[in-house]
Amino acid sequence: MTHVIEVFDRHSEELLLSVEIPKSRHEELAKLMDWQTPEDEFDGYDLSPEQVQTLETWTGKILGDANHIVQLVCVD
């Protein structure tokens, strides 16, 4: 299972960046997202500023910006 962070421009909704979360972070990601059932990880999610900050640390990428919409999706 691969989870990807997608960053969109808030005004144009253009995809600006797509970043894969390392598979080694799967258990930590489940806790960060507060998934309660295995099916939860297949949904798409808008991320809170706190979640974005954690994911920036994990990926080494700057994701958050006032002009961005940051989402988590499962691509397989």
C-alpha atoms as a PDB file:
ATOM      1  CA  MET A   1       0.000   0.000   0.000  1.00  0.00           C
ATOM      2  CA  THR A   2       1.371   3.386  -1.019  1.00  0.00           C
ATOM      3  CA  HIS A   3       0.251   6.670   0.504  1.00  0.00           C
ATOM      4  CA  VAL A   4       0.962   9.931  -1.251  1.00  0.00           C
ATOM      5  CA  ILE A   5       0.718  13.532  -0.114  1.00  0.00           C
ATOM      6  CA  GLU A   6      -0.743  15.742  -2.825  1.00  0.00           C
ATOM      7  CA  VAL A   7      -0.338  19.503  -2.670  1.00  0.00           C
ATOM      8  CA  PHE A   8      -2.734  21.661  -4.690  1.00  0.00           C
ATOM      9  CA  ASP A   9      -2.897  25.379  -5.353  1.00  0.00           C
ATOM     10  CA  ARG A  10      -5.851  26.677  -3.344  1.00  0.00           C
ATOM     11  CA  HIS A  11      -7.028  28.987  -6.155  1.00  0.00           C
ATOM     12  CA  SER A  12      -6.441  27.037  -9.378  1.00  0.00           C
ATOM     13  CA  GLU A  13      -6.623  23.548  -7.787  1.00  0.00           C
ATOM     14  CA  GLU A  14      -3.576  22.628  -9.891  1.00  0.00           C
ATOM     15  CA  LEU A  15      -1.502  19.751  -8.531  1.00  0.00           C
ATOM     16  CA  LEU A  16       1.812  21.288  -7.456  1.00  0.00           C
ATOM     17  CA  LEU A  17       3.562  18.409  -5.737  1.00  0.00           C
ATOM     18  CA  SER A  18       3.138  14.717  -5.077  1.00  0.00           C
ATOM     19  CA  VAL A  19       5.261  13.073  -2.370  1.00  0.00           C
ATOM     20  CA  GLU A  20       5.256   9.405  -1.438  1.00  0.00           C
ATOM     21  CA  ILE A  21       5.323   8.597   2.271  1.00  0.00           C
ATOM     22  CA  PRO A  22       7.976   5.987   3.063  1.00  0.00           C
ATOM     23  CA  LYS A  23       6.457   2.554   3.663  1.00  0.00           C
ATOM     24  CA  SER A  24       8.572   2.351   6.825  1.00  0.00           C
ATOM     25  CA  ARG A  25       6.255   5.030   8.315  1.00  0.00           C
ATOM     26  CA  HIS A  26       3.041   3.023   7.827  1.00  0.00           C
ATOM     27  CA  GLU A  27       2.373   2.341  11.522  1.00  0.00           C
ATOM     28  CA  GLU A  28       3.200   5.926  12.486  1.00  0.00           C
ATOM     29  CA  LEU A  29       0.956   7.181   9.681  1.00  0.00           C
ATOM     30  CA  ALA A  30      -1.951   5.083  10.972  1.00  0.00           C
ATOM     31  CA  LYS A  31      -1.529   6.711  14.393  1.00  0.00           C
ATOM     32  CA  LEU A  32      -1.128  10.204  12.946  1.00  0.00           C
ATOM     33  CA  MET A  33      -4.325   9.786  10.917  1.00  0.00           C
ATOM     34  CA  ASP A  34      -6.179   8.035  13.775  1.00  0.00           C
ATOM     35  CA  TRP A  35      -7.352   5.225  11.521  1.00  0.00           C
ATOM     36  CA  GLN A  36      -9.741   2.939  13.367  1.00  0.00           C
ATOM     37  CA  THR A  37     -10.325   0.209  10.749  1.00  0.00           C
ATOM     38  CA  PRO A  38      -8.169  -1.161   7.902  1.00  0.00           C
ATOM     39  CA  GLU A  39     -10.557   0.397   5.383  1.00  0.00           C
ATOM     40  CA  ASP A  40      -9.826   3.896   6.722  1.00  0.00           C
ATOM     41  CA  GLU A  41      -6.444   4.023   5.025  1.00  0.00           C
ATOM     42  CA  PHE A  42      -8.027   3.778   1.561  1.00  0.00           C
ATOM     43  CA  ASP A  43      -9.919   7.074   1.959  1.00  0.00           C
ATOM     44  CA  GLY A  44      -8.618  10.495   0.928  1.00  0.00           C
ATOM     45  CA  TYR A  45      -8.048  13.087   3.642  1.00  0.00           C
ATOM     46  CA  ASP A  46      -7.538  16.824   3.952  1.00  0.00           C
ATOM     47  CA  LEU A  47      -4.632  17.247   6.349  1.00  0.00           C
ATOM     48  CA  SER A  48      -4.500  19.494   9.395  1.00  0.00           C
ATOM     49  CA  PRO A  49      -1.547  21.864   9.881  1.00  0.00           C
ATOM     50  CA  GLU A  50      -0.241  19.564  12.614  1.00  0.00           C
ATOM     51  CA  GLN A  51      -0.393  16.514  10.342  1.00  0.00           C
ATOM     52  CA  VAL A  52       1.315  18.467   7.548  1.00  0.00           C
ATOM     53  CA  GLN A  53       4.110  19.497   9.902  1.00  0.00           C
ATOM     54  CA  THR A  54       4.737  15.873  10.904  1.00  0.00           C
ATOM     55  CA  LEU A  55       4.717  14.739   7.271  1.00  0.00           C
ATOM     56  CA  GLU A  56       7.176  17.491   6.358  1.00  0.00           C
ATOM     57  CA  THR A  57       9.541  16.064   8.953  1.00  0.00           C
ATOM     58  CA  TRP A  58       9.127  12.534   7.606  1.00  0.00           C
ATOM     59  CA  THR A  59       9.556  13.466   3.937  1.00  0.00           C
ATOM     60  CA  GLY A  60      11.987  16.384   4.139  1.00  0.00           C
ATOM     61  CA  LYS A  61       9.657  18.405   1.876  1.00  0.00           C
ATOM     62  CA  ILE A  62       7.897  21.708   2.531  1.00  0.00           C
ATOM     63  CA  LEU A  63       4.209  20.990   2.004  1.00  0.00           C
ATOM     64  CA  GLY A  64       2.220  23.579   3.914  1.00  0.00           C
ATOM     65  CA  ASP A  65       1.492  27.100   2.743  1.00  0.00           C
ATOM     66  CA  ALA A  66      -1.525  29.380   3.134  1.00  0.00           C
ATOM     67  CA  ASN A  67      -2.135  29.005  -0.609  1.00  0.00           C
ATOM     68  CA  HIS A  68      -2.026  25.202  -0.597  1.00  0.00           C
ATOM     69  CA  ILE A  69      -4.505  22.418  -0.023  1.00  0.00           C
ATOM     70  CA  VAL A  70      -2.673  19.344   1.300  1.00  0.00           C
ATOM     71  CA  GLN A  71      -4.295  15.917   1.042  1.00  0.00           C
ATOM     72  CA  LEU A  72      -3.364  12.312   1.723  1.00  0.00           C
ATOM     73  CA  VAL A  73      -4.414   9.617  -0.741  1.00  0.00           C
ATOM     74  CA  CYS A  74      -3.828   5.906  -1.141  1.00  0.00           C
ATOM     75  CA  VAL A  75      -2.676   5.078  -4.663  1.00  0.00           C
ATOM     76  CA  ASP A  76      -2.829   1.270  -4.473  1.00  0.00           C
END
